[in-house]
Amino acid sequence: MRRLRFRLSISKAQLLRYYQGRVAALSVDTEQGLRLQLPLHHLRGFVGHDGLSGYFEIELNELNQLQGLRRIF
């Protein structure tokens, strides 16, 4: 398993555009220097009143399939 970390800070207004169907995935740059395409539905559980922000860790299997996602802080 591979674990990658990244930060997100997306305002409520930006998220509304995403949820209106204009964007299906986010592109995030990890601390390890990789760019990931992350389907937006994986982040829905982390959205708050002000939008989406935090420091996240994603766990991928050998086929680069999502195995876990958590907010560290």
PDB file of N, CA and C in Angstrom:
ATOM      1  N   MET A   1       0.839  -1.185   0.000  1.00  0.00           N
ATOM      2  CA  MET A   1       0.000   0.000   0.000  1.00  0.00           C
ATOM      3  C   MET A   1       0.884   1.248   0.000  1.00  0.00           C
ATOM      4  N   ARG A   2       0.394   2.254  -0.670  1.00  0.00           N
ATOM      5  CA  ARG A   2       1.110   3.519  -0.721  1.00  0.00           C
ATOM      6  C   ARG A   2       0.239   4.594  -0.087  1.00  0.00           C
ATOM      7  N   ARG A   3       0.856   5.442   0.724  1.00  0.00           N
ATOM      8  CA  ARG A   3       0.140   6.545   1.370  1.00  0.00           C
ATOM      9  C   ARG A   3       0.711   7.862   0.877  1.00  0.00           C
ATOM     10  N   LEU A   4      -0.195   8.755   0.492  1.00  0.00           N
ATOM     11  CA  LEU A   4       0.189  10.068  -0.009  1.00  0.00           C
ATOM     12  C   LEU A   4      -0.571  11.129   0.771  1.00  0.00           C
ATOM     13  N   ARG A   5       0.066  12.280   0.975  1.00  0.00           N
ATOM     14  CA  ARG A   5      -0.568  13.362   1.735  1.00  0.00           C
ATOM     15  C   ARG A   5      -0.685  14.624   0.894  1.00  0.00           C
ATOM     16  N   PHE A   6      -1.780  15.355   1.145  1.00  0.00           N
ATOM     17  CA  PHE A   6      -2.014  16.604   0.411  1.00  0.00           C
ATOM     18  C   PHE A   6      -2.904  17.524   1.235  1.00  0.00           C
ATOM     19  N   ARG A   7      -2.859  18.802   0.895  1.00  0.00           N
ATOM     20  CA  ARG A   7      -3.698  19.817   1.535  1.00  0.00           C
ATOM     21  C   ARG A   7      -4.749  20.299   0.540  1.00  0.00           C
ATOM     22  N   LEU A   8      -5.921  20.628   1.077  1.00  0.00           N
ATOM     23  CA  LEU A   8      -6.996  21.188   0.263  1.00  0.00           C
ATOM     24  C   LEU A   8      -7.580  22.400   0.966  1.00  0.00           C
ATOM     25  N   SER A   9      -7.945  23.383   0.189  1.00  0.00           N
ATOM     26  CA  SER A   9      -8.671  24.540   0.697  1.00  0.00           C
ATOM     27  C   SER A   9      -9.577  25.025  -0.430  1.00  0.00           C
ATOM     28  N   ILE A  10     -10.842  24.641  -0.346  1.00  0.00           N
ATOM     29  CA  ILE A  10     -11.809  24.953  -1.398  1.00  0.00           C
ATOM     30  C   ILE A  10     -13.005  25.642  -0.748  1.00  0.00           C
ATOM     31  N   SER A  11     -13.341  26.814  -1.238  1.00  0.00           N
ATOM     32  CA  SER A  11     -14.436  27.587  -0.654  1.00  0.00           C
ATOM     33  C   SER A  11     -15.788  26.942  -0.954  1.00  0.00           C
ATOM     34  N   LYS A  12     -16.786  27.376  -0.209  1.00  0.00           N
ATOM     35  CA  LYS A  12     -18.149  26.883  -0.418  1.00  0.00           C
ATOM     36  C   LYS A  12     -18.635  27.214  -1.834  1.00  0.00           C
ATOM     37  N   ALA A  13     -18.316  28.417  -2.323  1.00  0.00           N
ATOM     38  CA  ALA A  13     -18.732  28.828  -3.669  1.00  0.00           C
ATOM     39  C   ALA A  13     -18.094  27.943  -4.738  1.00  0.00           C
ATOM     40  N   GLN A  14     -16.826  27.614  -4.575  1.00  0.00           N
ATOM     41  CA  GLN A  14     -16.160  26.736  -5.536  1.00  0.00           C
ATOM     42  C   GLN A  14     -16.790  25.347  -5.522  1.00  0.00           C
ATOM     43  N   LEU A  15     -17.088  24.848  -4.334  1.00  0.00           N
ATOM     44  CA  LEU A  15     -17.699  23.520  -4.232  1.00  0.00           C
ATOM     45  C   LEU A  15     -19.070  23.471  -4.892  1.00  0.00           C
ATOM     46  N   LEU A  16     -19.830  24.551  -4.774  1.00  0.00           N
ATOM     47  CA  LEU A  16     -21.146  24.584  -5.408  1.00  0.00           C
ATOM     48  C   LEU A  16     -21.031  24.395  -6.916  1.00  0.00           C
ATOM     49  N   ARG A  17     -20.027  24.997  -7.526  1.00  0.00           N
ATOM     50  CA  ARG A  17     -19.818  24.810  -8.968  1.00  0.00           C
ATOM     51  C   ARG A  17     -19.506  23.351  -9.280  1.00  0.00           C
ATOM     52  N   TYR A  18     -18.701  22.729  -8.428  1.00  0.00           N
ATOM     53  CA  TYR A  18     -18.364  21.322  -8.634  1.00  0.00           C
ATOM     54  C   TYR A  18     -19.615  20.454  -8.554  1.00  0.00           C
ATOM     55  N   TYR A  19     -20.432  20.708  -7.536  1.00  0.00           N
ATOM     56  CA  TYR A  19     -21.616  19.878  -7.335  1.00  0.00           C
ATOM     57  C   TYR A  19     -22.693  20.121  -8.384  1.00  0.00           C
ATOM     58  N   GLN A  20     -22.620  21.228  -9.086  1.00  0.00           N
ATOM     59  CA  GLN A  20     -23.585  21.487 -10.155  1.00  0.00           C
ATOM     60  C   GLN A  20     -23.236  20.719 -11.421  1.00  0.00           C
ATOM     61  N   GLY A  21     -22.222  19.882 -11.340  1.00  0.00           N
ATOM     62  CA  GLY A  21     -21.895  19.010 -12.453  1.00  0.00           C
ATOM     63  C   GLY A  21     -20.816  19.506 -13.382  1.00  0.00           C
ATOM     64  N   ARG A  22     -20.216  20.626 -13.063  1.00  0.00           N
ATOM     65  CA  ARG A  22     -19.185  21.166 -13.942  1.00  0.00           C
ATOM     66  C   ARG A  22     -17.847  20.455 -13.780  1.00  0.00           C
ATOM     67  N   VAL A  23     -17.630  19.859 -12.635  1.00  0.00           N
ATOM     68  CA  VAL A  23     -16.362  19.183 -12.361  1.00  0.00           C
ATOM     69  C   VAL A  23     -16.660  17.854 -11.685  1.00  0.00           C
ATOM     70  N   ALA A  24     -16.061  16.781 -12.169  1.00  0.00           N
ATOM     71  CA  ALA A  24     -16.282  15.456 -11.579  1.00  0.00           C
ATOM     72  C   ALA A  24     -15.131  15.031 -10.685  1.00  0.00           C
ATOM     73  N   ALA A  25     -13.946  15.638 -10.888  1.00  0.00           N
ATOM     74  CA  ALA A  25     -12.768  15.230 -10.118  1.00  0.00           C
ATOM     75  C   ALA A  25     -11.903  16.444  -9.816  1.00  0.00           C
ATOM     76  N   LEU A  26     -11.162  16.326  -8.745  1.00  0.00           N
ATOM     77  CA  LEU A  26     -10.193  17.351  -8.376  1.00  0.00           C
ATOM     78  C   LEU A  26      -8.800  16.856  -8.706  1.00  0.00           C
ATOM     79  N   SER A  27      -7.957  17.768  -9.103  1.00  0.00           N
ATOM     80  CA  SER A  27      -6.552  17.458  -9.309  1.00  0.00           C
ATOM     81  C   SER A  27      -5.809  17.988  -8.093  1.00  0.00           C
ATOM     82  N   VAL A  28      -5.127  17.108  -7.385  1.00  0.00           N
ATOM     83  CA  VAL A  28      -4.391  17.515  -6.183  1.00  0.00           C
ATOM     84  C   VAL A  28      -2.923  17.145  -6.337  1.00  0.00           C
ATOM     85  N   ASP A  29      -2.072  18.026  -5.837  1.00  0.00           N
ATOM     86  CA  ASP A  29      -0.631  17.764  -5.816  1.00  0.00           C
ATOM     87  C   ASP A  29      -0.265  17.260  -4.430  1.00  0.00           C
ATOM     88  N   THR A  30       0.372  16.114  -4.382  1.00  0.00           N
ATOM     89  CA  THR A  30       0.747  15.526  -3.099  1.00  0.00           C
ATOM     90  C   THR A  30       2.091  16.069  -2.639  1.00  0.00           C
ATOM     91  N   GLU A  31       2.368  15.886  -1.356  1.00  0.00           N
ATOM     92  CA  GLU A  31       3.665  16.272  -0.805  1.00  0.00           C
ATOM     93  C   GLU A  31       4.797  15.471  -1.436  1.00  0.00           C
ATOM     94  N   GLN A  32       4.467  14.318  -1.971  1.00  0.00           N
ATOM     95  CA  GLN A  32       5.462  13.441  -2.570  1.00  0.00           C
ATOM     96  C   GLN A  32       5.761  13.820  -4.028  1.00  0.00           C
ATOM     97  N   GLY A  33       5.128  14.887  -4.519  1.00  0.00           N
ATOM     98  CA  GLY A  33       5.398  15.363  -5.866  1.00  0.00           C
ATOM     99  C   GLY A  33       4.559  14.736  -6.957  1.00  0.00           C
ATOM    100  N   LEU A  34       3.515  14.028  -6.591  1.00  0.00           N
ATOM    101  CA  LEU A  34       2.628  13.402  -7.575  1.00  0.00           C
ATOM    102  C   LEU A  34       1.352  14.215  -7.722  1.00  0.00           C
ATOM    103  N   ARG A  35       0.748  14.158  -8.884  1.00  0.00           N
ATOM    104  CA  ARG A  35      -0.552  14.788  -9.106  1.00  0.00           C
ATOM    105  C   ARG A  35      -1.591  13.686  -9.234  1.00  0.00           C
ATOM    106  N   LEU A  36      -2.654  13.788  -8.434  1.00  0.00           N
ATOM    107  CA  LEU A  36      -3.729  12.792  -8.435  1.00  0.00           C
ATOM    108  C   LEU A  36      -5.015  13.405  -8.960  1.00  0.00           C
ATOM    109  N   GLN A  37      -5.788  12.611  -9.677  1.00  0.00           N
ATOM    110  CA  GLN A  37      -7.156  12.956 -10.042  1.00  0.00           C
ATOM    111  C   GLN A  37      -8.043  12.237  -9.038  1.00  0.00           C
ATOM    112  N   LEU A  38      -8.729  12.986  -8.210  1.00  0.00           N
ATOM    113  CA  LEU A  38      -9.533  12.411  -7.141  1.00  0.00           C
ATOM    114  C   LEU A  38     -11.006  12.710  -7.395  1.00  0.00           C
ATOM    115  N   PRO A  39     -11.823  11.689  -7.662  1.00  0.00           N
ATOM    116  CA  PRO A  39     -13.255  11.925  -7.864  1.00  0.00           C
ATOM    117  C   PRO A  39     -13.857  12.660  -6.664  1.00  0.00           C
ATOM    118  N   LEU A  40     -14.633  13.670  -6.960  1.00  0.00           N
ATOM    119  CA  LEU A  40     -15.181  14.546  -5.928  1.00  0.00           C
ATOM    120  C   LEU A  40     -16.044  13.803  -4.917  1.00  0.00           C
ATOM    121  N   HIS A  41     -16.730  12.756  -5.328  1.00  0.00           N
ATOM    122  CA  HIS A  41     -17.627  12.067  -4.396  1.00  0.00           C
ATOM    123  C   HIS A  41     -16.867  11.446  -3.216  1.00  0.00           C
ATOM    124  N   HIS A  42     -15.580  11.193  -3.358  1.00  0.00           N
ATOM    125  CA  HIS A  42     -14.801  10.649  -2.242  1.00  0.00           C
ATOM    126  C   HIS A  42     -14.593  11.675  -1.128  1.00  0.00           C
ATOM    127  N   LEU A  43     -14.781  12.951  -1.435  1.00  0.00           N
ATOM    128  CA  LEU A  43     -14.525  14.016  -0.461  1.00  0.00           C
ATOM    129  C   LEU A  43     -15.791  14.549   0.197  1.00  0.00           C
ATOM    130  N   ARG A  44     -16.946  14.101  -0.204  1.00  0.00           N
ATOM    131  CA  ARG A  44     -18.207  14.658   0.305  1.00  0.00           C
ATOM    132  C   ARG A  44     -18.330  14.593   1.823  1.00  0.00           C
ATOM    133  N   GLY A  45     -17.831  13.545   2.422  1.00  0.00           N
ATOM    134  CA  GLY A  45     -17.930  13.401   3.875  1.00  0.00           C
ATOM    135  C   GLY A  45     -17.090  14.392   4.660  1.00  0.00           C
ATOM    136  N   PHE A  46     -16.222  15.127   3.977  1.00  0.00           N
ATOM    137  CA  PHE A  46     -15.337  16.081   4.638  1.00  0.00           C
ATOM    138  C   PHE A  46     -15.766  17.531   4.432  1.00  0.00           C
ATOM    139  N   VAL A  47     -16.853  17.754   3.710  1.00  0.00           N
ATOM    140  CA  VAL A  47     -17.312  19.106   3.410  1.00  0.00           C
ATOM    141  C   VAL A  47     -18.027  19.689   4.620  1.00  0.00           C
ATOM    142  N   GLY A  48     -17.664  20.930   4.963  1.00  0.00           N
ATOM    143  CA  GLY A  48     -18.303  21.636   6.070  1.00  0.00           C
ATOM    144  C   GLY A  48     -19.051  22.858   5.555  1.00  0.00           C
ATOM    145  N   HIS A  49     -19.559  23.669   6.468  1.00  0.00           N
ATOM    146  CA  HIS A  49     -20.328  24.863   6.101  1.00  0.00           C
ATOM    147  C   HIS A  49     -19.498  25.868   5.303  1.00  0.00           C
ATOM    148  N   ASP A  50     -18.206  25.910   5.550  1.00  0.00           N
ATOM    149  CA  ASP A  50     -17.334  26.871   4.873  1.00  0.00           C
ATOM    150  C   ASP A  50     -16.673  26.312   3.624  1.00  0.00           C
ATOM    151  N   GLY A  51     -16.894  25.062   3.328  1.00  0.00           N
ATOM    152  CA  GLY A  51     -16.266  24.440   2.164  1.00  0.00           C
ATOM    153  C   GLY A  51     -15.509  23.187   2.558  1.00  0.00           C
ATOM    154  N   LEU A  52     -14.367  23.005   1.948  1.00  0.00           N
ATOM    155  CA  LEU A  52     -13.560  21.807   2.164  1.00  0.00           C
ATOM    156  C   LEU A  52     -12.120  22.228   2.396  1.00  0.00           C
ATOM    157  N   SER A  53     -11.607  21.905   3.558  1.00  0.00           N
ATOM    158  CA  SER A  53     -10.209  22.239   3.826  1.00  0.00           C
ATOM    159  C   SER A  53      -9.631  21.222   4.791  1.00  0.00           C
ATOM    160  N   GLY A  54      -8.317  21.092   4.736  1.00  0.00           N
ATOM    161  CA  GLY A  54      -7.640  20.200   5.654  1.00  0.00           C
ATOM    162  C   GLY A  54      -6.418  19.560   5.039  1.00  0.00           C
ATOM    163  N   TYR A  55      -5.817  18.738   5.829  1.00  0.00           N
ATOM    164  CA  TYR A  55      -4.626  17.978   5.463  1.00  0.00           C
ATOM    165  C   TYR A  55      -5.067  16.527   5.405  1.00  0.00           C
ATOM    166  N   PHE A  56      -4.909  15.879   4.264  1.00  0.00           N
ATOM    167  CA  PHE A  56      -5.474  14.565   4.013  1.00  0.00           C
ATOM    168  C   PHE A  56      -4.401  13.530   3.701  1.00  0.00           C
ATOM    169  N   GLU A  57      -4.753  12.282   3.988  1.00  0.00           N
ATOM    170  CA  GLU A  57      -3.908  11.158   3.606  1.00  0.00           C
ATOM    171  C   GLU A  57      -4.766  10.180   2.818  1.00  0.00           C
ATOM    172  N   ILE A  58      -4.261   9.787   1.659  1.00  0.00           N
ATOM    173  CA  ILE A  58      -4.951   8.825   0.810  1.00  0.00           C
ATOM    174  C   ILE A  58      -4.114   7.554   0.763  1.00  0.00           C
ATOM    175  N   GLU A  59      -4.793   6.435   0.789  1.00  0.00           N
ATOM    176  CA  GLU A  59      -4.114   5.141   0.721  1.00  0.00           C
ATOM    177  C   GLU A  59      -4.512   4.458  -0.584  1.00  0.00           C
ATOM    178  N   LEU A  60      -3.504   4.049  -1.357  1.00  0.00           N
ATOM    179  CA  LEU A  60      -3.719   3.409  -2.650  1.00  0.00           C
ATOM    180  C   LEU A  60      -3.129   2.010  -2.649  1.00  0.00           C
ATOM    181  N   ASN A  61      -3.779   1.100  -3.371  1.00  0.00           N
ATOM    182  CA  ASN A  61      -3.220  -0.247  -3.502  1.00  0.00           C
ATOM    183  C   ASN A  61      -2.207  -0.276  -4.651  1.00  0.00           C
ATOM    184  N   GLU A  62      -1.727  -1.453  -4.982  1.00  0.00           N
ATOM    185  CA  GLU A  62      -0.702  -1.610  -6.012  1.00  0.00           C
ATOM    186  C   GLU A  62      -1.196  -1.197  -7.399  1.00  0.00           C
ATOM    187  N   LEU A  63      -2.511  -1.182  -7.598  1.00  0.00           N
ATOM    188  CA  LEU A  63      -3.105  -0.772  -8.873  1.00  0.00           C
ATOM    189  C   LEU A  63      -3.527   0.698  -8.853  1.00  0.00           C
ATOM    190  N   ASN A  64      -3.094   1.423  -7.815  1.00  0.00           N
ATOM    191  CA  ASN A  64      -3.436   2.838  -7.609  1.00  0.00           C
ATOM    192  C   ASN A  64      -4.933   3.059  -7.415  1.00  0.00           C
ATOM    193  N   GLN A  65      -5.601   2.079  -6.851  1.00  0.00           N
ATOM    194  CA  GLN A  65      -7.016   2.207  -6.520  1.00  0.00           C
ATOM    195  C   GLN A  65      -7.141   2.682  -5.079  1.00  0.00           C
ATOM    196  N   LEU A  66      -8.107   3.552  -4.855  1.00  0.00           N
ATOM    197  CA  LEU A  66      -8.330   4.115  -3.528  1.00  0.00           C
ATOM    198  C   LEU A  66      -8.712   3.029  -2.528  1.00  0.00           C
ATOM    199  N   GLN A  67      -7.996   2.972  -1.433  1.00  0.00           N
ATOM    200  CA  GLN A  67      -8.301   2.037  -0.353  1.00  0.00           C
ATOM    201  C   GLN A  67      -8.765   2.765   0.898  1.00  0.00           C
ATOM    202  N   GLY A  68      -8.369   4.020   1.033  1.00  0.00           N
ATOM    203  CA  GLY A  68      -8.771   4.786   2.198  1.00  0.00           C
ATOM    204  C   GLY A  68      -8.434   6.255   2.025  1.00  0.00           C
ATOM    205  N   LEU A  69      -9.209   7.097   2.693  1.00  0.00           N
ATOM    206  CA  LEU A  69      -8.987   8.537   2.676  1.00  0.00           C
ATOM    207  C   LEU A  69      -9.380   9.068   4.038  1.00  0.00           C
ATOM    208  N   ARG A  70      -8.494   9.850   4.645  1.00  0.00           N
ATOM    209  CA  ARG A  70      -8.828  10.419   5.953  1.00  0.00           C
ATOM    210  C   ARG A  70      -8.245  11.816   6.069  1.00  0.00           C
ATOM    211  N   ARG A  71      -8.936  12.635   6.875  1.00  0.00           N
ATOM    212  CA  ARG A  71      -8.418  13.967   7.169  1.00  0.00           C
ATOM    213  C   ARG A  71      -7.547  13.839   8.405  1.00  0.00           C
ATOM    214  N   ILE A  72      -6.331  14.310   8.303  1.00  0.00           N
ATOM    215  CA  ILE A  72      -5.406  14.259   9.431  1.00  0.00           C
ATOM    216  C   ILE A  72      -5.669  15.442  10.353  1.00  0.00           C
ATOM    217  N   PHE A  73      -5.838  16.624   9.785  1.00  0.00           N
ATOM    218  CA  PHE A  73      -6.259  17.823  10.535  1.00  0.00           C
ATOM    219  C   PHE A  73      -6.651  18.891   9.566  1.00  0.00           C
TER     220      PHE A  73
END
